[in-house]
Amino acid sequence: MTAQGDIVIQVQNLAAGYDGQALLHDINFEVRRGEVFVILGGSGGGKSTLLKAMIGLDEPLAGRVLIDGDDIIASTGDARRAILRKIGVMYQSGALFGSMTLLENVRLPLEEYTDLSHDAMDLVARMKLDLVGLEGFTGHLPAAVSGGMQKRAAIARAMALDPMILFLDEPSAGLDPITSAELDALILRLAKSLRITFVVVTHELPSIYAIADRVIMLDKGRQGIIAEGDPRVLRDQSPEPFVRQFFRREGGVAGHAVTAALPRNEERV
């Protein structure tokens, strides 16, 4: 765990939603360098909405998101590009280009943001694929590799510019338990060896217990954070019945639908 003062993300008084309708109100939290920070919650609770605001994809209704001290929401032009170079994003589907090899997919951010030579970009892309265990698959198209390999390649692409923060949207979705556990191990290894900060959106309990240093839990009804901390402590000690039942994968309580037992890919905002 990193030092208390080593903060790389600050979300301040954030309100977010669509078409002027807020799904989230007064969201406040911080993420520390090297931490694996998990955003979770029930169906429609706002996880993906929060993620999109944090990476600058959607403009929130109010509030700020500071990446390494800089406001990603208010920034424009070169200042915004500088902030975006500090983050990498892996979307739930992987979002690889099917007509490009894994090497070409990983090289894309380098082509967009650097002036490296073609050979240098290839070298960096190969290094990133090696980090995720895909050194022997550089020439393969996404359709020719497994779902787990596609997720690894997407992580490699997200790391192409050596970001300080990686955002992962449902990384275990659609994967079998063994492949999911292997991906969890990769996340932990990268966080430890490279001191990358991970922000992970998921509702997969085995992954949460395996990787999370800390979690926040969003609630649809209250439109905000109802729990924050170590998932095991929340499971055993949270004053919120829904939070305890979520982490214990028990039946629902009045007003809530427990989504921890939903099939993969079913829970979306």
Protein backbone atom coordinates (compact mmCIF):
# COMPACT_ATOMS: atom_id res chain seq x y z
CA MET A 1 0.00 0.00 0.00
CA THR A 2 1.27 3.45 -0.85
CA ALA A 3 1.74 6.42 1.41
CA GLN A 4 -1.28 8.45 2.36
CA GLY A 5 0.09 11.58 0.70
CA ASP A 6 0.89 9.91 -2.64
CA ILE A 7 -2.39 10.74 -4.37
CA VAL A 8 -2.72 10.34 -8.16
CA ILE A 9 -6.50 10.69 -8.62
CA GLN A 10 -8.89 13.04 -6.84
CA VAL A 11 -12.61 13.01 -7.57
CA GLN A 12 -14.23 16.06 -6.03
CA ASN A 13 -17.96 16.76 -5.66
CA LEU A 14 -18.71 14.92 -8.88
CA ALA A 15 -22.21 14.66 -10.31
CA ALA A 16 -22.67 12.62 -13.47
CA GLY A 17 -25.46 11.30 -15.65
CA TYR A 18 -27.03 11.64 -19.07
CA ASP A 19 -29.33 14.17 -20.76
CA GLY A 20 -29.12 16.41 -17.72
CA GLN A 21 -30.38 13.66 -15.40
CA ALA A 22 -27.94 12.79 -12.62
CA LEU A 23 -27.20 9.16 -11.78
CA LEU A 24 -24.53 10.12 -9.27
CA HIS A 25 -24.33 13.00 -6.80
CA ASP A 26 -21.52 14.36 -4.60
CA ILE A 27 -18.92 11.69 -5.39
CA ASN A 28 -15.65 12.21 -3.49
CA PHE A 29 -12.67 9.88 -3.21
CA GLU A 30 -8.93 9.64 -3.80
CA VAL A 31 -6.72 6.93 -5.31
CA ARG A 32 -3.10 6.41 -4.28
CA ARG A 33 -0.12 5.57 -6.43
CA GLY A 34 0.33 1.81 -6.95
CA GLU A 35 -3.09 1.01 -5.53
CA VAL A 36 -5.57 -1.40 -7.09
CA PHE A 37 -8.80 0.50 -6.60
CA VAL A 38 -12.10 -1.17 -7.48
CA ILE A 39 -15.41 0.50 -8.33
CA LEU A 40 -18.37 -1.81 -7.78
CA GLY A 41 -22.08 -1.80 -7.17
CA GLY A 42 -25.43 -3.14 -8.27
CA SER A 43 -27.01 -2.96 -11.70
CA GLY A 44 -27.51 0.61 -12.90
CA GLY A 45 -25.54 1.99 -9.98
CA GLY A 46 -23.37 4.26 -12.11
CA LYS A 47 -20.06 2.38 -12.36
CA SER A 48 -19.55 2.92 -16.07
CA THR A 49 -20.89 6.47 -15.80
CA LEU A 50 -18.25 7.26 -13.19
CA LEU A 51 -15.50 5.61 -15.22
CA LYS A 52 -16.35 7.62 -18.34
CA ALA A 53 -16.20 10.85 -16.33
CA MET A 54 -12.85 9.90 -14.81
CA ILE A 55 -11.20 9.27 -18.17
CA GLY A 56 -12.65 12.39 -19.75
CA LEU A 57 -14.91 10.52 -22.15
CA ASP A 58 -18.12 12.12 -20.82
CA GLU A 59 -18.34 15.55 -19.23
CA PRO A 60 -19.90 15.38 -15.74
CA LEU A 61 -22.71 17.61 -14.61
CA ALA A 62 -20.57 19.07 -11.83
CA GLY A 63 -17.33 18.54 -9.98
CA ARG A 64 -13.69 17.84 -10.86
CA VAL A 65 -11.45 14.89 -11.64
CA LEU A 66 -7.76 15.57 -10.99
CA ILE A 67 -5.19 13.27 -12.60
CA ASP A 68 -1.82 13.81 -10.94
CA GLY A 69 -3.07 17.22 -9.86
CA ASP A 70 -4.44 18.33 -13.26
CA ASP A 71 -8.15 18.68 -14.07
CA ILE A 72 -8.96 16.33 -16.95
CA ILE A 73 -12.43 17.84 -17.34
CA ALA A 74 -11.38 21.49 -17.66
CA SER A 75 -8.26 20.86 -19.73
CA THR A 76 -8.09 21.40 -23.49
CA GLY A 77 -5.56 21.14 -26.31
CA ASP A 78 -1.99 20.20 -25.44
CA ALA A 79 -2.74 20.25 -21.71
CA ARG A 80 -5.45 17.64 -22.18
CA ARG A 81 -3.21 15.49 -24.39
CA ALA A 82 -0.55 15.59 -21.67
CA ILE A 83 -3.07 14.33 -19.11
CA LEU A 84 -4.33 11.60 -21.44
CA ARG A 85 -0.78 10.32 -21.85
CA LYS A 86 -0.76 9.59 -18.13
CA ILE A 87 -3.67 7.17 -18.37
CA GLY A 88 -4.46 4.01 -20.29
CA VAL A 89 -7.88 2.42 -20.74
CA MET A 90 -8.95 -1.16 -21.35
CA TYR A 91 -12.61 -1.37 -22.35
CA GLN A 92 -14.77 -4.37 -21.50
CA SER A 93 -14.71 -5.88 -24.99
CA GLY A 94 -11.01 -5.19 -25.40
CA ALA A 95 -11.86 -2.93 -28.38
CA LEU A 96 -9.04 -4.34 -30.51
CA PHE A 97 -9.16 -3.65 -34.24
CA GLY A 98 -9.94 -6.97 -35.89
CA SER A 99 -8.05 -6.23 -39.10
CA MET A 100 -4.81 -5.43 -37.26
CA THR A 101 -2.36 -7.80 -35.62
CA LEU A 102 -1.82 -7.63 -31.88
CA LEU A 103 1.46 -5.80 -32.53
CA GLU A 104 -0.27 -3.25 -34.74
CA ASN A 105 -3.00 -2.72 -32.15
CA VAL A 106 -0.49 -2.04 -29.38
CA ARG A 107 1.49 0.30 -31.67
CA LEU A 108 -1.52 2.56 -32.32
CA PRO A 109 -1.08 4.90 -29.31
CA LEU A 110 2.59 5.30 -30.19
CA GLU A 111 1.66 6.38 -33.72
CA GLU A 112 -0.80 8.92 -32.32
CA TYR A 113 1.24 10.41 -29.50
CA THR A 114 4.94 9.95 -30.34
CA ASP A 115 7.46 10.70 -33.10
CA LEU A 116 9.29 7.40 -32.71
CA SER A 117 10.57 5.60 -35.77
CA HIS A 118 8.65 2.60 -37.12
CA ASP A 119 11.27 0.21 -35.72
CA ALA A 120 11.23 1.90 -32.32
CA MET A 121 7.44 1.69 -32.14
CA ASP A 122 7.59 -2.00 -33.02
CA LEU A 123 10.18 -2.55 -30.29
CA VAL A 124 8.07 -0.82 -27.64
CA ALA A 125 4.95 -2.71 -28.74
CA ARG A 126 6.81 -6.04 -28.53
CA MET A 127 8.02 -5.15 -25.04
CA LYS A 128 4.49 -4.41 -23.88
CA LEU A 129 3.17 -7.67 -25.33
CA ASP A 130 6.03 -9.47 -23.60
CA LEU A 131 4.98 -7.92 -20.28
CA VAL A 132 1.55 -9.55 -20.60
CA GLY A 133 2.87 -12.91 -21.81
CA LEU A 134 2.04 -12.52 -25.51
CA GLU A 135 5.53 -12.32 -26.99
CA GLY A 136 4.79 -15.28 -29.27
CA PHE A 137 1.56 -13.84 -30.69
CA THR A 138 2.60 -10.47 -32.13
CA GLY A 139 1.54 -11.38 -35.67
CA HIS A 140 -1.83 -12.88 -34.73
CA LEU A 141 -5.13 -11.18 -35.43
CA PRO A 142 -7.47 -10.78 -32.43
CA ALA A 143 -9.87 -13.42 -33.81
CA ALA A 144 -7.03 -15.97 -33.81
CA VAL A 145 -6.39 -15.77 -30.06
CA SER A 146 -8.51 -16.53 -27.00
CA GLY A 147 -10.65 -14.04 -25.11
CA GLY A 148 -8.15 -13.94 -22.29
CA MET A 149 -5.34 -13.16 -24.75
CA GLN A 150 -7.42 -10.38 -26.26
CA LYS A 151 -7.81 -8.84 -22.80
CA ARG A 152 -4.05 -9.11 -22.25
CA ALA A 153 -3.36 -7.46 -25.59
CA ALA A 154 -5.78 -4.67 -24.68
CA ILE A 155 -3.87 -4.13 -21.43
CA ALA A 156 -0.60 -4.07 -23.40
CA ARG A 157 -2.06 -1.39 -25.68
CA ALA A 158 -3.23 0.59 -22.65
CA MET A 159 0.37 0.50 -21.36
CA ALA A 160 1.95 1.57 -24.65
CA LEU A 161 2.69 5.13 -23.50
CA ASP A 162 3.88 4.07 -20.01
CA PRO A 163 0.89 5.56 -18.19
CA MET A 164 0.86 6.02 -14.45
CA ILE A 165 -2.78 4.88 -14.23
CA LEU A 166 -4.66 2.07 -15.97
CA PHE A 167 -8.46 2.01 -16.06
CA LEU A 168 -9.97 -1.43 -16.67
CA ASP A 169 -13.67 -1.85 -17.46
CA GLU A 170 -14.93 -5.31 -16.44
CA PRO A 171 -11.63 -7.08 -17.28
CA SER A 172 -12.95 -10.52 -16.25
CA ALA A 173 -16.21 -10.30 -18.19
CA GLY A 174 -16.73 -13.30 -20.44
CA LEU A 175 -13.73 -15.23 -19.11
CA ASP A 176 -13.71 -18.66 -17.49
CA PRO A 177 -12.59 -18.85 -13.83
CA ILE A 178 -9.05 -20.03 -14.62
CA THR A 179 -8.42 -17.35 -17.25
CA SER A 180 -9.95 -14.75 -14.95
CA ALA A 181 -7.60 -15.78 -12.13
CA GLU A 182 -4.64 -15.53 -14.50
CA LEU A 183 -5.70 -12.01 -15.44
CA ASP A 184 -6.00 -11.09 -11.76
CA ALA A 185 -2.44 -12.34 -11.21
CA LEU A 186 -1.24 -10.21 -14.14
CA ILE A 187 -2.87 -7.09 -12.69
CA LEU A 188 -1.22 -7.68 -9.32
CA ARG A 189 2.17 -8.33 -10.93
CA LEU A 190 2.02 -5.15 -13.00
CA ALA A 191 0.87 -3.07 -10.04
CA LYS A 192 3.73 -4.37 -7.91
CA SER A 193 6.54 -4.47 -10.45
CA LEU A 194 5.76 -1.27 -12.36
CA ARG A 195 3.93 0.57 -9.58
CA ILE A 196 1.04 1.26 -11.93
CA THR A 197 -2.17 2.45 -10.33
CA PHE A 198 -5.21 0.42 -11.39
CA VAL A 199 -8.82 1.59 -11.32
CA VAL A 200 -10.99 -1.44 -12.03
CA VAL A 201 -14.74 -1.54 -12.63
CA THR A 202 -16.10 -4.99 -11.80
CA HIS A 203 -18.70 -6.91 -9.83
CA GLU A 204 -16.81 -10.23 -9.94
CA LEU A 205 -16.38 -11.15 -6.28
CA PRO A 206 -13.43 -13.55 -6.72
CA SER A 207 -11.51 -10.85 -8.61
CA ILE A 208 -12.43 -8.18 -6.07
CA TYR A 209 -11.07 -10.27 -3.20
CA ALA A 210 -7.98 -11.20 -5.22
CA ILE A 211 -6.84 -7.79 -6.43
CA ALA A 212 -8.50 -4.93 -4.52
CA ASP A 213 -6.54 -2.86 -2.04
CA ARG A 214 -9.64 -0.74 -1.59
CA VAL A 215 -13.12 -0.47 -3.09
CA ILE A 216 -15.96 1.99 -3.34
CA MET A 217 -19.50 0.72 -3.73
CA LEU A 218 -22.11 2.75 -5.60
CA ASP A 219 -25.82 2.54 -4.89
CA LYS A 220 -28.49 3.34 -7.49
CA GLY A 221 -31.10 4.44 -4.97
CA ARG A 222 -28.86 6.85 -3.10
CA GLN A 223 -27.03 7.93 -6.26
CA GLY A 224 -23.69 7.82 -4.52
CA ILE A 225 -21.09 5.93 -2.53
CA ILE A 226 -22.47 3.76 0.26
CA ALA A 227 -19.25 1.96 1.25
CA GLU A 228 -15.49 2.42 0.96
CA GLY A 229 -12.62 0.30 2.24
CA ASP A 230 -11.16 -3.20 2.28
CA PRO A 231 -13.71 -5.59 0.75
CA ARG A 232 -13.21 -8.19 3.49
CA VAL A 233 -13.77 -5.62 6.21
CA LEU A 234 -16.89 -4.38 4.44
CA ARG A 235 -18.15 -7.96 4.11
CA ASP A 236 -17.84 -8.56 7.84
CA GLN A 237 -18.34 -5.15 9.43
CA SER A 238 -20.28 -2.79 7.15
CA PRO A 239 -23.30 -1.23 8.89
CA GLU A 240 -25.18 -1.49 5.57
CA PRO A 241 -27.06 -4.82 5.21
CA PHE A 242 -26.94 -4.59 1.40
CA VAL A 243 -23.17 -4.15 1.44
CA ARG A 244 -22.65 -7.19 3.69
CA GLN A 245 -25.01 -9.31 1.58
CA PHE A 246 -23.37 -8.20 -1.66
CA PHE A 247 -19.93 -9.31 -0.46
CA ARG A 248 -21.33 -12.53 1.00
CA ARG A 249 -23.33 -13.22 -2.18
CA GLU A 250 -26.52 -13.67 -0.21
CA GLY A 251 -30.15 -12.98 -1.11
CA GLY A 252 -31.43 -9.45 -1.61
CA VAL A 253 -32.80 -7.00 0.89
CA ALA A 254 -35.78 -4.73 0.41
CA GLY A 255 -35.22 -2.17 -2.31
CA HIS A 256 -32.12 -3.84 -3.74
CA ALA A 257 -31.31 -6.51 -6.27
CA VAL A 258 -28.04 -8.26 -5.49
CA THR A 259 -26.04 -8.44 -8.72
CA ALA A 260 -23.02 -10.35 -7.48
CA ALA A 261 -24.63 -13.55 -8.69
CA LEU A 262 -25.52 -12.25 -12.16
CA PRO A 263 -23.90 -13.90 -15.17
CA ARG A 264 -20.91 -12.10 -16.65
CA ASN A 265 -21.73 -9.25 -19.04
CA GLU A 266 -25.27 -8.84 -17.66
CA GLU A 267 -24.61 -5.89 -15.39
CA ARG A 268 -24.20 -2.68 -17.38
CA VAL A 269 -25.04 0.95 -16.78
